[in-house]
Amino acid sequence: MDFAINLLNMATKKKKELLDDRIVSISKRLQKLRKDAGYTSYENFALEKELPRVQYWRMEKGTNFQFKSLLQILDAHEMTLEEFFKGLK
């Protein structure tokens, strides 16, 4: 029984980490930028901008946030860090 409780606690902690509001805000912002640029598919955007497709998908889903990757995406949008983070909570 203790094992099940520990497993449940670990799953709850992991879920909280994945649902961090700051990460969700950044991933939604990336999706909006892509769609506003006229790309309905993350795959087409990644391929055209020469970004690793799976890596970009993970960032839009909020599971991989390396600063180098974020900077590559901002370069593809010709956007500064200040412009990207303006208005994010």
PDB file of N, CA and C in Angstrom:
ATOM      1  N   MET A   1       0.814  -1.203   0.000  1.00  0.00           N
ATOM      2  CA  MET A   1       0.000   0.000   0.000  1.00  0.00           C
ATOM      3  C   MET A   1       0.858   1.267   0.000  1.00  0.00           C
ATOM      4  N   ASP A   2       1.949   1.261   0.779  1.00  0.00           N
ATOM      5  CA  ASP A   2       2.847   2.414   0.811  1.00  0.00           C
ATOM      6  C   ASP A   2       3.434   2.698  -0.563  1.00  0.00           C
ATOM      7  N   PHE A   3       3.720   1.627  -1.315  1.00  0.00           N
ATOM      8  CA  PHE A   3       4.257   1.795  -2.657  1.00  0.00           C
ATOM      9  C   PHE A   3       3.271   2.552  -3.537  1.00  0.00           C
ATOM     10  N   ALA A   4       1.996   2.192  -3.468  1.00  0.00           N
ATOM     11  CA  ALA A   4       0.963   2.851  -4.270  1.00  0.00           C
ATOM     12  C   ALA A   4       0.827   4.319  -3.881  1.00  0.00           C
ATOM     13  N   ILE A   5       0.892   4.607  -2.614  1.00  0.00           N
ATOM     14  CA  ILE A   5       0.784   5.995  -2.141  1.00  0.00           C
ATOM     15  C   ILE A   5       1.990   6.799  -2.617  1.00  0.00           C
ATOM     16  N   ASN A   6       3.183   6.218  -2.518  1.00  0.00           N
ATOM     17  CA  ASN A   6       4.384   6.906  -2.998  1.00  0.00           C
ATOM     18  C   ASN A   6       4.322   7.159  -4.494  1.00  0.00           C
ATOM     19  N   LEU A   7       3.828   6.164  -5.223  1.00  0.00           N
ATOM     20  CA  LEU A   7       3.695   6.312  -6.668  1.00  0.00           C
ATOM     21  C   LEU A   7       2.704   7.421  -7.018  1.00  0.00           C
ATOM     22  N   LEU A   8       1.606   7.471  -6.305  1.00  0.00           N
ATOM     23  CA  LEU A   8       0.604   8.521  -6.524  1.00  0.00           C
ATOM     24  C   LEU A   8       1.188   9.891  -6.197  1.00  0.00           C
ATOM     25  N   ASN A   9       1.928   9.990  -5.112  1.00  0.00           N
ATOM     26  CA  ASN A   9       2.559  11.265  -4.749  1.00  0.00           C
ATOM     27  C   ASN A   9       3.560  11.714  -5.812  1.00  0.00           C
ATOM     28  N   MET A  10       4.330  10.764  -6.339  1.00  0.00           N
ATOM     29  CA  MET A  10       5.291  11.096  -7.387  1.00  0.00           C
ATOM     30  C   MET A  10       4.581  11.566  -8.651  1.00  0.00           C
ATOM     31  N   ALA A  11       3.495  10.907  -9.009  1.00  0.00           N
ATOM     32  CA  ALA A  11       2.734  11.291 -10.199  1.00  0.00           C
ATOM     33  C   ALA A  11       2.133  12.672 -10.027  1.00  0.00           C
ATOM     34  N   THR A  12       1.630  12.972  -8.846  1.00  0.00           N
ATOM     35  CA  THR A  12       1.050  14.289  -8.577  1.00  0.00           C
ATOM     36  C   THR A  12       2.113  15.369  -8.667  1.00  0.00           C
ATOM     37  N   LYS A  13       3.291  15.092  -8.096  1.00  0.00           N
ATOM     38  CA  LYS A  13       4.386  16.057  -8.166  1.00  0.00           C
ATOM     39  C   LYS A  13       4.807  16.292  -9.610  1.00  0.00           C
ATOM     40  N   LYS A  14       4.922  15.222 -10.385  1.00  0.00           N
ATOM     41  CA  LYS A  14       5.316  15.334 -11.793  1.00  0.00           C
ATOM     42  C   LYS A  14       4.288  16.148 -12.564  1.00  0.00           C
ATOM     43  N   LYS A  15       3.004  15.907 -12.313  1.00  0.00           N
ATOM     44  CA  LYS A  15       1.948  16.640 -13.006  1.00  0.00           C
ATOM     45  C   LYS A  15       2.051  18.131 -12.700  1.00  0.00           C
ATOM     46  N   LYS A  16       2.321  18.482 -11.461  1.00  0.00           N
ATOM     47  CA  LYS A  16       2.464  19.894 -11.090  1.00  0.00           C
ATOM     48  C   LYS A  16       3.632  20.525 -11.831  1.00  0.00           C
ATOM     49  N   GLU A  17       4.736  19.778 -11.965  1.00  0.00           N
ATOM     50  CA  GLU A  17       5.889  20.293 -12.690  1.00  0.00           C
ATOM     51  C   GLU A  17       5.541  20.548 -14.148  1.00  0.00           C
ATOM     52  N   LEU A  18       4.788  19.638 -14.751  1.00  0.00           N
ATOM     53  CA  LEU A  18       4.438  19.773 -16.157  1.00  0.00           C
ATOM     54  C   LEU A  18       3.441  20.902 -16.389  1.00  0.00           C
ATOM     55  N   LEU A  19       2.652  21.222 -15.389  1.00  0.00           N
ATOM     56  CA  LEU A  19       1.616  22.232 -15.558  1.00  0.00           C
ATOM     57  C   LEU A  19       2.017  23.598 -15.010  1.00  0.00           C
ATOM     58  N   ASP A  20       3.282  23.846 -14.835  1.00  0.00           N
ATOM     59  CA  ASP A  20       3.752  25.143 -14.368  1.00  0.00           C
ATOM     60  C   ASP A  20       3.192  26.216 -15.300  1.00  0.00           C
ATOM     61  N   ASP A  21       2.501  27.174 -14.738  1.00  0.00           N
ATOM     62  CA  ASP A  21       1.840  28.212 -15.526  1.00  0.00           C
ATOM     63  C   ASP A  21       2.800  28.985 -16.422  1.00  0.00           C
ATOM     64  N   ARG A  22       4.029  29.166 -15.973  1.00  0.00           N
ATOM     65  CA  ARG A  22       5.002  29.904 -16.782  1.00  0.00           C
ATOM     66  C   ARG A  22       5.368  29.135 -18.042  1.00  0.00           C
ATOM     67  N   ILE A  23       5.528  27.833 -17.899  1.00  0.00           N
ATOM     68  CA  ILE A  23       5.849  27.010 -19.062  1.00  0.00           C
ATOM     69  C   ILE A  23       4.662  26.957 -20.017  1.00  0.00           C
ATOM     70  N   VAL A  24       3.472  26.829 -19.472  1.00  0.00           N
ATOM     71  CA  VAL A  24       2.265  26.811 -20.303  1.00  0.00           C
ATOM     72  C   VAL A  24       2.148  28.119 -21.080  1.00  0.00           C
ATOM     73  N   SER A  25       2.428  29.249 -20.432  1.00  0.00           N
ATOM     74  CA  SER A  25       2.357  30.552 -21.107  1.00  0.00           C
ATOM     75  C   SER A  25       3.340  30.641 -22.260  1.00  0.00           C
ATOM     76  N   ILE A  26       4.551  30.155 -22.040  1.00  0.00           N
ATOM     77  CA  ILE A  26       5.567  30.199 -23.095  1.00  0.00           C
ATOM     78  C   ILE A  26       5.176  29.299 -24.254  1.00  0.00           C
ATOM     79  N   SER A  27       4.703  28.091 -23.956  1.00  0.00           N
ATOM     80  CA  SER A  27       4.337  27.173 -25.040  1.00  0.00           C
ATOM     81  C   SER A  27       3.147  27.706 -25.839  1.00  0.00           C
ATOM     82  N   LYS A  28       2.182  28.309 -25.164  1.00  0.00           N
ATOM     83  CA  LYS A  28       1.047  28.904 -25.882  1.00  0.00           C
ATOM     84  C   LYS A  28       1.497  30.069 -26.748  1.00  0.00           C
ATOM     85  N   ARG A  29       2.446  30.836 -26.250  1.00  0.00           N
ATOM     86  CA  ARG A  29       2.978  31.970 -27.023  1.00  0.00           C
ATOM     87  C   ARG A  29       3.669  31.470 -28.290  1.00  0.00           C
ATOM     88  N   LEU A  30       4.434  30.372 -28.178  1.00  0.00           N
ATOM     89  CA  LEU A  30       5.090  29.796 -29.354  1.00  0.00           C
ATOM     90  C   LEU A  30       4.061  29.327 -30.381  1.00  0.00           C
ATOM     91  N   GLN A  31       3.011  28.673 -29.919  1.00  0.00           N
ATOM     92  CA  GLN A  31       1.955  28.215 -30.828  1.00  0.00           C
ATOM     93  C   GLN A  31       1.293  29.402 -31.522  1.00  0.00           C
ATOM     94  N   LYS A  32       1.013  30.449 -30.750  1.00  0.00           N
ATOM     95  CA  LYS A  32       0.349  31.630 -31.326  1.00  0.00           C
ATOM     96  C   LYS A  32       1.243  32.298 -32.372  1.00  0.00           C
ATOM     97  N   LEU A  33       2.520  32.425 -32.076  1.00  0.00           N
ATOM     98  CA  LEU A  33       3.445  33.032 -33.042  1.00  0.00           C
ATOM     99  C   LEU A  33       3.456  32.245 -34.351  1.00  0.00           C
ATOM    100  N   ARG A  34       3.501  30.917 -34.234  1.00  0.00           N
ATOM    101  CA  ARG A  34       3.521  30.076 -35.428  1.00  0.00           C
ATOM    102  C   ARG A  34       2.235  30.256 -36.230  1.00  0.00           C
ATOM    103  N   LYS A  35       1.110  30.217 -35.564  1.00  0.00           N
ATOM    104  CA  LYS A  35      -0.176  30.347 -36.256  1.00  0.00           C
ATOM    105  C   LYS A  35      -0.348  31.739 -36.850  1.00  0.00           C
ATOM    106  N   ASP A  36       0.080  32.760 -36.110  1.00  0.00           N
ATOM    107  CA  ASP A  36       0.000  34.132 -36.624  1.00  0.00           C
ATOM    108  C   ASP A  36       0.877  34.315 -37.861  1.00  0.00           C
ATOM    109  N   ALA A  37       1.944  33.517 -37.957  1.00  0.00           N
ATOM    110  CA  ALA A  37       2.826  33.585 -39.126  1.00  0.00           C
ATOM    111  C   ALA A  37       2.253  32.794 -40.301  1.00  0.00           C
ATOM    112  N   GLY A  38       1.079  32.178 -40.101  1.00  0.00           N
ATOM    113  CA  GLY A  38       0.404  31.480 -41.189  1.00  0.00           C
ATOM    114  C   GLY A  38       0.686  29.989 -41.275  1.00  0.00           C
ATOM    115  N   TYR A  39       1.295  29.427 -40.252  1.00  0.00           N
ATOM    116  CA  TYR A  39       1.605  28.002 -40.256  1.00  0.00           C
ATOM    117  C   TYR A  39       0.586  27.255 -39.392  1.00  0.00           C
ATOM    118  N   THR A  40      -0.215  26.416 -40.016  1.00  0.00           N
ATOM    119  CA  THR A  40      -1.176  25.625 -39.253  1.00  0.00           C
ATOM    120  C   THR A  40      -0.521  24.377 -38.672  1.00  0.00           C
ATOM    121  N   SER A  41       0.601  23.972 -39.227  1.00  0.00           N
ATOM    122  CA  SER A  41       1.295  22.765 -38.798  1.00  0.00           C
ATOM    123  C   SER A  41       2.652  23.119 -38.189  1.00  0.00           C
ATOM    124  N   TYR A  42       2.895  22.591 -37.008  1.00  0.00           N
ATOM    125  CA  TYR A  42       4.215  22.806 -36.395  1.00  0.00           C
ATOM    126  C   TYR A  42       5.297  22.158 -37.249  1.00  0.00           C
ATOM    127  N   GLU A  43       4.953  21.043 -37.912  1.00  0.00           N
ATOM    128  CA  GLU A  43       5.942  20.336 -38.731  1.00  0.00           C
ATOM    129  C   GLU A  43       6.409  21.198 -39.898  1.00  0.00           C
ATOM    130  N   ASN A  44       5.468  21.826 -40.589  1.00  0.00           N
ATOM    131  CA  ASN A  44       5.834  22.681 -41.715  1.00  0.00           C
ATOM    132  C   ASN A  44       6.690  23.858 -41.268  1.00  0.00           C
ATOM    133  N   PHE A  45       6.319  24.455 -40.138  1.00  0.00           N
ATOM    134  CA  PHE A  45       7.103  25.573 -39.614  1.00  0.00           C
ATOM    135  C   PHE A  45       8.526  25.129 -39.306  1.00  0.00           C
ATOM    136  N   ALA A  46       8.647  24.021 -38.581  1.00  0.00           N
ATOM    137  CA  ALA A  46       9.975  23.534 -38.197  1.00  0.00           C
ATOM    138  C   ALA A  46      10.820  23.193 -39.417  1.00  0.00           C
ATOM    139  N   LEU A  47      10.224  22.536 -40.385  1.00  0.00           N
ATOM    140  CA  LEU A  47      10.973  22.163 -41.584  1.00  0.00           C
ATOM    141  C   LEU A  47      11.420  23.389 -42.372  1.00  0.00           C
ATOM    142  N   GLU A  48      10.513  24.331 -42.565  1.00  0.00           N
ATOM    143  CA  GLU A  48      10.845  25.527 -43.348  1.00  0.00           C
ATOM    144  C   GLU A  48      11.898  26.391 -42.660  1.00  0.00           C
ATOM    145  N   LYS A  49      11.855  26.433 -41.343  1.00  0.00           N
ATOM    146  CA  LYS A  49      12.804  27.262 -40.589  1.00  0.00           C
ATOM    147  C   LYS A  49      14.054  26.488 -40.169  1.00  0.00           C
ATOM    148  N   GLU A  50      14.158  25.249 -40.659  1.00  0.00           N
ATOM    149  CA  GLU A  50      15.305  24.392 -40.383  1.00  0.00           C
ATOM    150  C   GLU A  50      15.528  24.176 -38.887  1.00  0.00           C
ATOM    151  N   LEU A  51      14.431  23.914 -38.184  1.00  0.00           N
ATOM    152  CA  LEU A  51      14.482  23.595 -36.764  1.00  0.00           C
ATOM    153  C   LEU A  51      14.208  22.102 -36.601  1.00  0.00           C
ATOM    154  N   PRO A  52      14.809  21.469 -35.625  1.00  0.00           N
ATOM    155  CA  PRO A  52      14.492  20.062 -35.385  1.00  0.00           C
ATOM    156  C   PRO A  52      13.006  19.904 -35.063  1.00  0.00           C
ATOM    157  N   ARG A  53      12.314  19.138 -35.878  1.00  0.00           N
ATOM    158  CA  ARG A  53      10.854  19.017 -35.795  1.00  0.00           C
ATOM    159  C   ARG A  53      10.380  18.538 -34.415  1.00  0.00           C
ATOM    160  N   VAL A  54      10.961  17.473 -33.903  1.00  0.00           N
ATOM    161  CA  VAL A  54      10.535  16.920 -32.620  1.00  0.00           C
ATOM    162  C   VAL A  54      10.861  17.882 -31.485  1.00  0.00           C
ATOM    163  N   GLN A  55      12.011  18.502 -31.563  1.00  0.00           N
ATOM    164  CA  GLN A  55      12.397  19.472 -30.539  1.00  0.00           C
ATOM    165  C   GLN A  55      11.406  20.630 -30.511  1.00  0.00           C
ATOM    166  N   TYR A  56      11.023  21.134 -31.682  1.00  0.00           N
ATOM    167  CA  TYR A  56      10.063  22.239 -31.729  1.00  0.00           C
ATOM    168  C   TYR A  56       8.718  21.796 -31.167  1.00  0.00           C
ATOM    169  N   TRP A  57       8.271  20.610 -31.526  1.00  0.00           N
ATOM    170  CA  TRP A  57       6.998  20.089 -31.026  1.00  0.00           C
ATOM    171  C   TRP A  57       7.020  20.025 -29.507  1.00  0.00           C
ATOM    172  N   ARG A  58       8.124  19.543 -28.957  1.00  0.00           N
ATOM    173  CA  ARG A  58       8.234  19.448 -27.494  1.00  0.00           C
ATOM    174  C   ARG A  58       8.136  20.815 -26.841  1.00  0.00           C
ATOM    175  N   MET A  59       8.710  21.813 -27.461  1.00  0.00           N
ATOM    176  CA  MET A  59       8.647  23.158 -26.884  1.00  0.00           C
ATOM    177  C   MET A  59       7.229  23.697 -26.917  1.00  0.00           C
ATOM    178  N   GLU A  60       6.518  23.437 -28.021  1.00  0.00           N
ATOM    179  CA  GLU A  60       5.119  23.883 -28.080  1.00  0.00           C
ATOM    180  C   GLU A  60       4.260  23.150 -27.055  1.00  0.00           C
ATOM    181  N   LYS A  61       4.668  21.962 -26.676  1.00  0.00           N
ATOM    182  CA  LYS A  61       3.924  21.190 -25.674  1.00  0.00           C
ATOM    183  C   LYS A  61       4.423  21.456 -24.259  1.00  0.00           C
ATOM    184  N   GLY A  62       5.495  22.225 -24.127  1.00  0.00           N
ATOM    185  CA  GLY A  62       5.991  22.598 -22.811  1.00  0.00           C
ATOM    186  C   GLY A  62       6.854  21.548 -22.147  1.00  0.00           C
ATOM    187  N   THR A  63       7.459  20.655 -22.931  1.00  0.00           N
ATOM    188  CA  THR A  63       8.248  19.595 -22.315  1.00  0.00           C
ATOM    189  C   THR A  63       9.746  19.741 -22.514  1.00  0.00           C
ATOM    190  N   ASN A  64      10.198  20.708 -23.296  1.00  0.00           N
ATOM    191  CA  ASN A  64      11.636  20.867 -23.540  1.00  0.00           C
ATOM    192  C   ASN A  64      11.944  22.345 -23.721  1.00  0.00           C
ATOM    193  N   PHE A  65      12.488  22.956 -22.682  1.00  0.00           N
ATOM    194  CA  PHE A  65      12.795  24.371 -22.775  1.00  0.00           C
ATOM    195  C   PHE A  65      14.262  24.646 -22.536  1.00  0.00           C
ATOM    196  N   GLN A  66      15.057  24.425 -23.555  1.00  0.00           N
ATOM    197  CA  GLN A  66      16.453  24.828 -23.503  1.00  0.00           C
ATOM    198  C   GLN A  66      16.515  26.237 -24.095  1.00  0.00           C
ATOM    199  N   PHE A  67      17.286  27.082 -23.474  1.00  0.00           N
ATOM    200  CA  PHE A  67      17.362  28.459 -23.947  1.00  0.00           C
ATOM    201  C   PHE A  67      17.882  28.552 -25.375  1.00  0.00           C
ATOM    202  N   LYS A  68      18.817  27.710 -25.734  1.00  0.00           N
ATOM    203  CA  LYS A  68      19.350  27.722 -27.090  1.00  0.00           C
ATOM    204  C   LYS A  68      18.240  27.436 -28.103  1.00  0.00           C
ATOM    205  N   SER A  69      17.380  26.486 -27.773  1.00  0.00           N
ATOM    206  CA  SER A  69      16.266  26.151 -28.662  1.00  0.00           C
ATOM    207  C   SER A  69      15.283  27.314 -28.775  1.00  0.00           C
ATOM    208  N   LEU A  70      14.986  27.946 -27.646  1.00  0.00           N
ATOM    209  CA  LEU A  70      14.078  29.092 -27.675  1.00  0.00           C
ATOM    210  C   LEU A  70      14.661  30.213 -28.525  1.00  0.00           C
ATOM    211  N   LEU A  71      15.949  30.460 -28.392  1.00  0.00           N
ATOM    212  CA  LEU A  71      16.588  31.511 -29.194  1.00  0.00           C
ATOM    213  C   LEU A  71      16.532  31.199 -30.686  1.00  0.00           C
ATOM    214  N   GLN A  72      16.682  29.934 -31.062  1.00  0.00           N
ATOM    215  CA  GLN A  72      16.569  29.550 -32.473  1.00  0.00           C
ATOM    216  C   GLN A  72      15.171  29.850 -33.008  1.00  0.00           C
ATOM    217  N   ILE A  73      14.172  29.570 -32.207  1.00  0.00           N
ATOM    218  CA  ILE A  73      12.792  29.822 -32.635  1.00  0.00           C
ATOM    219  C   ILE A  73      12.545  31.324 -32.743  1.00  0.00           C
ATOM    220  N   LEU A  74      13.041  32.085 -31.789  1.00  0.00           N
ATOM    221  CA  LEU A  74      12.871  33.538 -31.850  1.00  0.00           C
ATOM    222  C   LEU A  74      13.594  34.113 -33.058  1.00  0.00           C
ATOM    223  N   ASP A  75      14.755  33.573 -33.398  1.00  0.00           N
ATOM    224  CA  ASP A  75      15.464  34.009 -34.606  1.00  0.00           C
ATOM    225  C   ASP A  75      14.621  33.713 -35.851  1.00  0.00           C
ATOM    226  N   ALA A  76      13.965  32.564 -35.872  1.00  0.00           N
ATOM    227  CA  ALA A  76      13.118  32.198 -37.009  1.00  0.00           C
ATOM    228  C   ALA A  76      11.962  33.180 -37.165  1.00  0.00           C
ATOM    229  N   HIS A  77      11.492  33.725 -36.035  1.00  0.00           N
ATOM    230  CA  HIS A  77      10.405  34.713 -36.064  1.00  0.00           C
ATOM    231  C   HIS A  77      10.938  36.151 -36.159  1.00  0.00           C
ATOM    232  N   GLU A  78      12.275  36.271 -36.195  1.00  0.00           N
ATOM    233  CA  GLU A  78      12.919  37.587 -36.193  1.00  0.00           C
ATOM    234  C   GLU A  78      12.404  38.438 -35.034  1.00  0.00           C
ATOM    235  N   MET A  79      12.492  37.859 -33.839  1.00  0.00           N
ATOM    236  CA  MET A  79      11.936  38.475 -32.645  1.00  0.00           C
ATOM    237  C   MET A  79      12.985  38.489 -31.537  1.00  0.00           C
ATOM    238  N   THR A  80      12.992  39.536 -30.728  1.00  0.00           N
ATOM    239  CA  THR A  80      13.906  39.635 -29.599  1.00  0.00           C
ATOM    240  C   THR A  80      13.290  38.965 -28.367  1.00  0.00           C
ATOM    241  N   LEU A  81      14.129  38.721 -27.378  1.00  0.00           N
ATOM    242  CA  LEU A  81      13.615  38.191 -26.115  1.00  0.00           C
ATOM    243  C   LEU A  81      12.612  39.151 -25.489  1.00  0.00           C
ATOM    244  N   GLU A  82      12.906  40.432 -25.562  1.00  0.00           N
ATOM    245  CA  GLU A  82      12.010  41.433 -24.970  1.00  0.00           C
ATOM    246  C   GLU A  82      10.641  41.373 -25.631  1.00  0.00           C
ATOM    247  N   GLU A  83      10.627  41.274 -26.951  1.00  0.00           N
ATOM    248  CA  GLU A  83       9.349  41.200 -27.673  1.00  0.00           C
ATOM    249  C   GLU A  83       8.595  39.933 -27.304  1.00  0.00           C
ATOM    250  N   PHE A  84       9.310  38.826 -27.186  1.00  0.00           N
ATOM    251  CA  PHE A  84       8.656  37.555 -26.880  1.00  0.00           C
ATOM    252  C   PHE A  84       8.028  37.566 -25.496  1.00  0.00           C
ATOM    253  N   PHE A  85       8.777  38.051 -24.512  1.00  0.00           N
ATOM    254  CA  PHE A  85       8.291  37.976 -23.139  1.00  0.00           C
ATOM    255  C   PHE A  85       7.376  39.138 -22.741  1.00  0.00           C
ATOM    256  N   LYS A  86       7.257  40.139 -23.588  1.00  0.00           N
ATOM    257  CA  LYS A  86       6.381  41.260 -23.276  1.00  0.00           C
ATOM    258  C   LYS A  86       4.939  40.758 -23.157  1.00  0.00           C
ATOM    259  N   GLY A  87       4.326  41.071 -22.042  1.00  0.00           N
ATOM    260  CA  GLY A  87       2.940  40.687 -21.831  1.00  0.00           C
ATOM    261  C   GLY A  87       2.738  39.318 -21.198  1.00  0.00           C
ATOM    262  N   LEU A  88       3.799  38.513 -21.086  1.00  0.00           N
ATOM    263  CA  LEU A  88       3.664  37.217 -20.428  1.00  0.00           C
ATOM    264  C   LEU A  88       3.718  37.425 -18.927  1.00  0.00           C
ATOM    265  N   LYS A  89       2.917  36.674 -18.221  1.00  0.00           N
ATOM    266  CA  LYS A  89       2.881  36.788 -16.761  1.00  0.00           C
ATOM    267  C   LYS A  89       3.877  35.852 -16.144  1.00  0.00           C
TER     268      LYS A  89
END
